[in-house]
Amino acid sequence: MNEEIIQNLNERIDLALAKGKEIIEDEEFQQKLQELKNRAETTVRNHPVKSIAIGLAIGFLIGKLFNSDD
């Protein structure tokens, strides 16, 4: 039974990896990713202080979210 579960998980992982590789290698996806990168760079160049403030705020929130001081 355990071998069957492991085999099933391995097959699912292989399918997920193949799908992910297919998506990443897609030309349209690469173009959209490049456009997103260019827009982000332009926004940061046009609003550097605001970009830093937003980055710090997001970092702070992520830090609070994953803080294990409970």
PDB file of N, CA and C in Angstrom:
ATOM      1  N   MET A   1       0.824  -1.194   0.000  1.00  0.00           N
ATOM      2  CA  MET A   1       0.000   0.000   0.000  1.00  0.00           C
ATOM      3  C   MET A   1       0.869   1.259   0.000  1.00  0.00           C
ATOM      4  N   ASN A   2       1.911   1.305   0.816  1.00  0.00           N
ATOM      5  CA  ASN A   2       2.780   2.473   0.866  1.00  0.00           C
ATOM      6  C   ASN A   2       3.480   2.699  -0.460  1.00  0.00           C
ATOM      7  N   GLU A   3       3.888   1.594  -1.103  1.00  0.00           N
ATOM      8  CA  GLU A   3       4.550   1.716  -2.403  1.00  0.00           C
ATOM      9  C   GLU A   3       3.585   2.295  -3.437  1.00  0.00           C
ATOM     10  N   GLU A   4       2.337   1.914  -3.349  1.00  0.00           N
ATOM     11  CA  GLU A   4       1.321   2.426  -4.268  1.00  0.00           C
ATOM     12  C   GLU A   4       1.123   3.928  -4.074  1.00  0.00           C
ATOM     13  N   ILE A   5       1.092   4.362  -2.839  1.00  0.00           N
ATOM     14  CA  ILE A   5       0.948   5.794  -2.533  1.00  0.00           C
ATOM     15  C   ILE A   5       2.153   6.564  -3.048  1.00  0.00           C
ATOM     16  N   ILE A   6       3.340   6.026  -2.797  1.00  0.00           N
ATOM     17  CA  ILE A   6       4.564   6.685  -3.254  1.00  0.00           C
ATOM     18  C   ILE A   6       4.599   6.749  -4.771  1.00  0.00           C
ATOM     19  N   GLN A   7       4.214   5.690  -5.427  1.00  0.00           N
ATOM     20  CA  GLN A   7       4.188   5.662  -6.900  1.00  0.00           C
ATOM     21  C   GLN A   7       3.212   6.725  -7.430  1.00  0.00           C
ATOM     22  N   ASN A   8       2.052   6.810  -6.807  1.00  0.00           N
ATOM     23  CA  ASN A   8       1.048   7.796  -7.207  1.00  0.00           C
ATOM     24  C   ASN A   8       1.583   9.214  -7.021  1.00  0.00           C
ATOM     25  N   LEU A   9       2.234   9.475  -5.893  1.00  0.00           N
ATOM     26  CA  LEU A   9       2.813  10.793  -5.641  1.00  0.00           C
ATOM     27  C   LEU A   9       3.907  11.116  -6.657  1.00  0.00           C
ATOM     28  N   ASN A  10       4.748  10.144  -6.974  1.00  0.00           N
ATOM     29  CA  ASN A  10       5.805  10.356  -7.956  1.00  0.00           C
ATOM     30  C   ASN A  10       5.227  10.698  -9.323  1.00  0.00           C
ATOM     31  N   GLU A  11       4.173  10.022  -9.704  1.00  0.00           N
ATOM     32  CA  GLU A  11       3.532  10.305 -10.994  1.00  0.00           C
ATOM     33  C   GLU A  11       2.944  11.712 -11.002  1.00  0.00           C
ATOM     34  N   ARG A  12       2.311  12.098  -9.915  1.00  0.00           N
ATOM     35  CA  ARG A  12       1.726  13.447  -9.831  1.00  0.00           C
ATOM     36  C   ARG A  12       2.815  14.521  -9.879  1.00  0.00           C
ATOM     37  N   ILE A  13       3.903  14.281  -9.176  1.00  0.00           N
ATOM     38  CA  ILE A  13       5.009  15.238  -9.183  1.00  0.00           C
ATOM     39  C   ILE A  13       5.601  15.347 -10.579  1.00  0.00           C
ATOM     40  N   ASP A  14       5.788  14.214 -11.251  1.00  0.00           N
ATOM     41  CA  ASP A  14       6.325  14.240 -12.614  1.00  0.00           C
ATOM     42  C   ASP A  14       5.418  15.034 -13.550  1.00  0.00           C
ATOM     43  N   LEU A  15       4.105  14.834 -13.426  1.00  0.00           N
ATOM     44  CA  LEU A  15       3.160  15.576 -14.260  1.00  0.00           C
ATOM     45  C   LEU A  15       3.207  17.071 -13.961  1.00  0.00           C
ATOM     46  N   ALA A  16       3.276  17.422 -12.682  1.00  0.00           N
ATOM     47  CA  ALA A  16       3.335  18.837 -12.291  1.00  0.00           C
ATOM     48  C   ALA A  16       4.613  19.486 -12.795  1.00  0.00           C
ATOM     49  N   LEU A  17       5.737  18.784 -12.699  1.00  0.00           N
ATOM     50  CA  LEU A  17       7.003  19.327 -13.189  1.00  0.00           C
ATOM     51  C   LEU A  17       6.983  19.512 -14.711  1.00  0.00           C
ATOM     52  N   ALA A  18       6.419  18.547 -15.408  1.00  0.00           N
ATOM     53  CA  ALA A  18       6.329  18.655 -16.866  1.00  0.00           C
ATOM     54  C   ALA A  18       5.447  19.835 -17.265  1.00  0.00           C
ATOM     55  N   LYS A  19       4.331  20.007 -16.583  1.00  0.00           N
ATOM     56  CA  LYS A  19       3.431  21.130 -16.858  1.00  0.00           C
ATOM     57  C   LYS A  19       4.119  22.458 -16.560  1.00  0.00           C
ATOM     58  N   GLY A  20       4.827  22.527 -15.429  1.00  0.00           N
ATOM     59  CA  GLY A  20       5.548  23.745 -15.078  1.00  0.00           C
ATOM     60  C   GLY A  20       6.623  24.086 -16.090  1.00  0.00           C
ATOM     61  N   LYS A  21       7.349  23.085 -16.535  1.00  0.00           N
ATOM     62  CA  LYS A  21       8.393  23.301 -17.548  1.00  0.00           C
ATOM     63  C   LYS A  21       7.781  23.801 -18.848  1.00  0.00           C
ATOM     64  N   GLU A  22       6.646  23.230 -19.213  1.00  0.00           N
ATOM     65  CA  GLU A  22       5.947  23.640 -20.428  1.00  0.00           C
ATOM     66  C   GLU A  22       5.502  25.099 -20.341  1.00  0.00           C
ATOM     67  N   ILE A  23       4.990  25.492 -19.197  1.00  0.00           N
ATOM     68  CA  ILE A  23       4.528  26.871 -18.999  1.00  0.00           C
ATOM     69  C   ILE A  23       5.702  27.841 -19.058  1.00  0.00           C
ATOM     70  N   ILE A  24       6.792  27.498 -18.380  1.00  0.00           N
ATOM     71  CA  ILE A  24       7.954  28.393 -18.328  1.00  0.00           C
ATOM     72  C   ILE A  24       8.593  28.551 -19.707  1.00  0.00           C
ATOM     73  N   GLU A  25       8.584  27.508 -20.502  1.00  0.00           N
ATOM     74  CA  GLU A  25       9.213  27.573 -21.819  1.00  0.00           C
ATOM     75  C   GLU A  25       8.314  28.217 -22.872  1.00  0.00           C
ATOM     76  N   ASP A  26       7.061  28.481 -22.538  1.00  0.00           N
ATOM     77  CA  ASP A  26       6.124  29.085 -23.473  1.00  0.00           C
ATOM     78  C   ASP A  26       6.572  30.499 -23.828  1.00  0.00           C
ATOM     79  N   GLU A  27       6.618  30.795 -25.131  1.00  0.00           N
ATOM     80  CA  GLU A  27       7.086  32.110 -25.587  1.00  0.00           C
ATOM     81  C   GLU A  27       6.190  33.244 -25.110  1.00  0.00           C
ATOM     82  N   GLU A  28       4.887  33.038 -25.136  1.00  0.00           N
ATOM     83  CA  GLU A  28       3.946  34.066 -24.692  1.00  0.00           C
ATOM     84  C   GLU A  28       4.155  34.382 -23.208  1.00  0.00           C
ATOM     85  N   PHE A  29       4.394  33.352 -22.420  1.00  0.00           N
ATOM     86  CA  PHE A  29       4.667  33.537 -20.996  1.00  0.00           C
ATOM     87  C   PHE A  29       5.944  34.353 -20.809  1.00  0.00           C
ATOM     88  N   GLN A  30       6.972  34.039 -21.570  1.00  0.00           N
ATOM     89  CA  GLN A  30       8.240  34.759 -21.482  1.00  0.00           C
ATOM     90  C   GLN A  30       8.057  36.233 -21.841  1.00  0.00           C
ATOM     91  N   GLN A  31       7.242  36.508 -22.859  1.00  0.00           N
ATOM     92  CA  GLN A  31       6.981  37.892 -23.262  1.00  0.00           C
ATOM     93  C   GLN A  31       6.233  38.650 -22.158  1.00  0.00           C
ATOM     94  N   LYS A  32       5.227  38.017 -21.580  1.00  0.00           N
ATOM     95  CA  LYS A  32       4.477  38.653 -20.499  1.00  0.00           C
ATOM     96  C   LYS A  32       5.373  38.903 -19.293  1.00  0.00           C
ATOM     97  N   LEU A  33       6.248  37.965 -18.997  1.00  0.00           N
ATOM     98  CA  LEU A  33       7.174  38.121 -17.889  1.00  0.00           C
ATOM     99  C   LEU A  33       8.131  39.287 -18.138  1.00  0.00           C
ATOM    100  N   GLN A  34       8.616  39.416 -19.365  1.00  0.00           N
ATOM    101  CA  GLN A  34       9.511  40.516 -19.712  1.00  0.00           C
ATOM    102  C   GLN A  34       8.784  41.857 -19.620  1.00  0.00           C
ATOM    103  N   GLU A  35       7.534  41.899 -20.086  1.00  0.00           N
ATOM    104  CA  GLU A  35       6.741  43.127 -19.986  1.00  0.00           C
ATOM    105  C   GLU A  35       6.521  43.524 -18.523  1.00  0.00           C
ATOM    106  N   LEU A  36       6.229  42.550 -17.687  1.00  0.00           N
ATOM    107  CA  LEU A  36       6.028  42.802 -16.263  1.00  0.00           C
ATOM    108  C   LEU A  36       7.310  43.344 -15.632  1.00  0.00           C
ATOM    109  N   LYS A  37       8.435  42.747 -15.996  1.00  0.00           N
ATOM    110  CA  LYS A  37       9.727  43.206 -15.477  1.00  0.00           C
ATOM    111  C   LYS A  37      10.000  44.642 -15.905  1.00  0.00           C
ATOM    112  N   ASN A  38       9.740  44.947 -17.163  1.00  0.00           N
ATOM    113  CA  ASN A  38       9.972  46.306 -17.666  1.00  0.00           C
ATOM    114  C   ASN A  38       9.071  47.327 -16.964  1.00  0.00           C
ATOM    115  N   ARG A  39       7.801  46.964 -16.754  1.00  0.00           N
ATOM    116  CA  ARG A  39       6.885  47.873 -16.051  1.00  0.00           C
ATOM    117  C   ARG A  39       7.324  48.102 -14.614  1.00  0.00           C
ATOM    118  N   ALA A  40       7.769  47.038 -13.960  1.00  0.00           N
ATOM    119  CA  ALA A  40       8.230  47.167 -12.568  1.00  0.00           C
ATOM    120  C   ALA A  40       9.460  48.067 -12.503  1.00  0.00           C
ATOM    121  N   GLU A  41      10.403  47.876 -13.424  1.00  0.00           N
ATOM    122  CA  GLU A  41      11.605  48.714 -13.438  1.00  0.00           C
ATOM    123  C   GLU A  41      11.254  50.179 -13.676  1.00  0.00           C
ATOM    124  N   THR A  42      10.344  50.429 -14.585  1.00  0.00           N
ATOM    125  CA  THR A  42       9.928  51.801 -14.875  1.00  0.00           C
ATOM    126  C   THR A  42       9.265  52.436 -13.659  1.00  0.00           C
ATOM    127  N   THR A  43       8.406  51.689 -13.002  1.00  0.00           N
ATOM    128  CA  THR A  43       7.717  52.206 -11.823  1.00  0.00           C
ATOM    129  C   THR A  43       8.711  52.539 -10.712  1.00  0.00           C
ATOM    130  N   VAL A  44       9.676  51.653 -10.490  1.00  0.00           N
ATOM    131  CA  VAL A  44      10.668  51.894  -9.441  1.00  0.00           C
ATOM    132  C   VAL A  44      11.522  53.107  -9.791  1.00  0.00           C
ATOM    133  N   ARG A  45      11.889  53.257 -11.061  1.00  0.00           N
ATOM    134  CA  ARG A  45      12.694  54.414 -11.473  1.00  0.00           C
ATOM    135  C   ARG A  45      11.900  55.723 -11.337  1.00  0.00           C
ATOM    136  N   ASN A  46      10.614  55.680 -11.623  1.00  0.00           N
ATOM    137  CA  ASN A  46       9.785  56.886 -11.544  1.00  0.00           C
ATOM    138  C   ASN A  46       9.392  57.248 -10.112  1.00  0.00           C
ATOM    139  N   HIS A  47       9.311  56.260  -9.238  1.00  0.00           N
ATOM    140  CA  HIS A  47       8.875  56.484  -7.851  1.00  0.00           C
ATOM    141  C   HIS A  47       9.776  55.709  -6.885  1.00  0.00           C
ATOM    142  N   PRO A  48      11.049  56.082  -6.778  1.00  0.00           N
ATOM    143  CA  PRO A  48      11.971  55.279  -5.954  1.00  0.00           C
ATOM    144  C   PRO A  48      11.637  55.277  -4.459  1.00  0.00           C
ATOM    145  N   VAL A  49      11.269  56.413  -3.905  1.00  0.00           N
ATOM    146  CA  VAL A  49      10.991  56.468  -2.465  1.00  0.00           C
ATOM    147  C   VAL A  49       9.743  55.648  -2.134  1.00  0.00           C
ATOM    148  N   LYS A  50       8.717  55.828  -2.934  1.00  0.00           N
ATOM    149  CA  LYS A  50       7.481  55.080  -2.716  1.00  0.00           C
ATOM    150  C   LYS A  50       7.745  53.568  -2.871  1.00  0.00           C
ATOM    151  N   SER A  51       8.572  53.196  -3.841  1.00  0.00           N
ATOM    152  CA  SER A  51       8.890  51.783  -4.060  1.00  0.00           C
ATOM    153  C   SER A  51       9.615  51.188  -2.865  1.00  0.00           C
ATOM    154  N   ILE A  52      10.563  51.935  -2.310  1.00  0.00           N
ATOM    155  CA  ILE A  52      11.289  51.451  -1.137  1.00  0.00           C
ATOM    156  C   ILE A  52      10.336  51.315   0.049  1.00  0.00           C
ATOM    157  N   ALA A  53       9.463  52.295   0.240  1.00  0.00           N
ATOM    158  CA  ALA A  53       8.509  52.240   1.347  1.00  0.00           C
ATOM    159  C   ALA A  53       7.580  51.029   1.222  1.00  0.00           C
ATOM    160  N   ILE A  54       7.112  50.780   0.020  1.00  0.00           N
ATOM    161  CA  ILE A  54       6.227  49.622  -0.199  1.00  0.00           C
ATOM    162  C   ILE A  54       6.989  48.329   0.043  1.00  0.00           C
ATOM    163  N   GLY A  55       8.225  48.265  -0.428  1.00  0.00           N
ATOM    164  CA  GLY A  55       9.044  47.074  -0.200  1.00  0.00           C
ATOM    165  C   GLY A  55       9.281  46.814   1.278  1.00  0.00           C
ATOM    166  N   LEU A  56       9.580  47.880   2.020  1.00  0.00           N
ATOM    167  CA  LEU A  56       9.776  47.735   3.470  1.00  0.00           C
ATOM    168  C   LEU A  56       8.497  47.281   4.162  1.00  0.00           C
ATOM    169  N   ALA A  57       7.371  47.857   3.763  1.00  0.00           N
ATOM    170  CA  ALA A  57       6.087  47.471   4.364  1.00  0.00           C
ATOM    171  C   ALA A  57       5.769  46.010   4.084  1.00  0.00           C
ATOM    172  N   ILE A  58       5.988  45.573   2.857  1.00  0.00           N
ATOM    173  CA  ILE A  58       5.722  44.169   2.519  1.00  0.00           C
ATOM    174  C   ILE A  58       6.664  43.256   3.291  1.00  0.00           C
ATOM    175  N   GLY A  59       7.930  43.637   3.384  1.00  0.00           N
ATOM    176  CA  GLY A  59       8.890  42.844   4.154  1.00  0.00           C
ATOM    177  C   GLY A  59       8.503  42.750   5.619  1.00  0.00           C
ATOM    178  N   PHE A  60       8.053  43.865   6.172  1.00  0.00           N
ATOM    179  CA  PHE A  60       7.609  43.878   7.563  1.00  0.00           C
ATOM    180  C   PHE A  60       6.422  42.936   7.764  1.00  0.00           C
ATOM    181  N   LEU A  61       5.440  43.020   6.866  1.00  0.00           N
ATOM    182  CA  LEU A  61       4.260  42.156   6.984  1.00  0.00           C
ATOM    183  C   LEU A  61       4.609  40.678   6.842  1.00  0.00           C
ATOM    184  N   ILE A  62       5.485  40.353   5.913  1.00  0.00           N
ATOM    185  CA  ILE A  62       5.903  38.963   5.749  1.00  0.00           C
ATOM    186  C   ILE A  62       6.649  38.496   6.989  1.00  0.00           C
ATOM    187  N   GLY A  63       7.502  39.378   7.527  1.00  0.00           N
ATOM    188  CA  GLY A  63       8.216  39.039   8.759  1.00  0.00           C
ATOM    189  C   GLY A  63       7.263  38.773   9.911  1.00  0.00           C
ATOM    190  N   LYS A  64       6.248  39.599  10.046  1.00  0.00           N
ATOM    191  CA  LYS A  64       5.244  39.404  11.103  1.00  0.00           C
ATOM    192  C   LYS A  64       4.458  38.106  10.878  1.00  0.00           C
ATOM    193  N   LEU A  65       4.155  37.836   9.624  1.00  0.00           N
ATOM    194  CA  LEU A  65       3.393  36.635   9.287  1.00  0.00           C
ATOM    195  C   LEU A  65       4.140  35.362   9.652  1.00  0.00           C
ATOM    196  N   PHE A  66       5.440  35.348   9.401  1.00  0.00           N
ATOM    197  CA  PHE A  66       6.227  34.143   9.639  1.00  0.00           C
ATOM    198  C   PHE A  66       6.997  34.166  10.953  1.00  0.00           C
ATOM    199  N   ASN A  67       6.757  35.168  11.783  1.00  0.00           N
ATOM    200  CA  ASN A  67       7.415  35.248  13.081  1.00  0.00           C
ATOM    201  C   ASN A  67       6.878  34.152  13.988  1.00  0.00           C
ATOM    202  N   SER A  68       7.760  33.435  14.640  1.00  0.00           N
ATOM    203  CA  SER A  68       7.321  32.312  15.498  1.00  0.00           C
ATOM    204  C   SER A  68       7.504  32.606  16.979  1.00  0.00           C
ATOM    205  N   ASP A  69       7.242  33.842  17.392  1.00  0.00           N
ATOM    206  CA  ASP A  69       7.382  34.224  18.797  1.00  0.00           C
ATOM    207  C   ASP A  69       6.140  33.918  19.625  1.00  0.00           C
ATOM    208  N   ASP A  70       5.222  33.142  19.111  1.00  0.00           N
ATOM    209  CA  ASP A  70       3.988  32.825  19.846  1.00  0.00           C
ATOM    210  C   ASP A  70       4.251  32.057  21.068  1.00  0.00           C
TER     211      ASP A  70
END
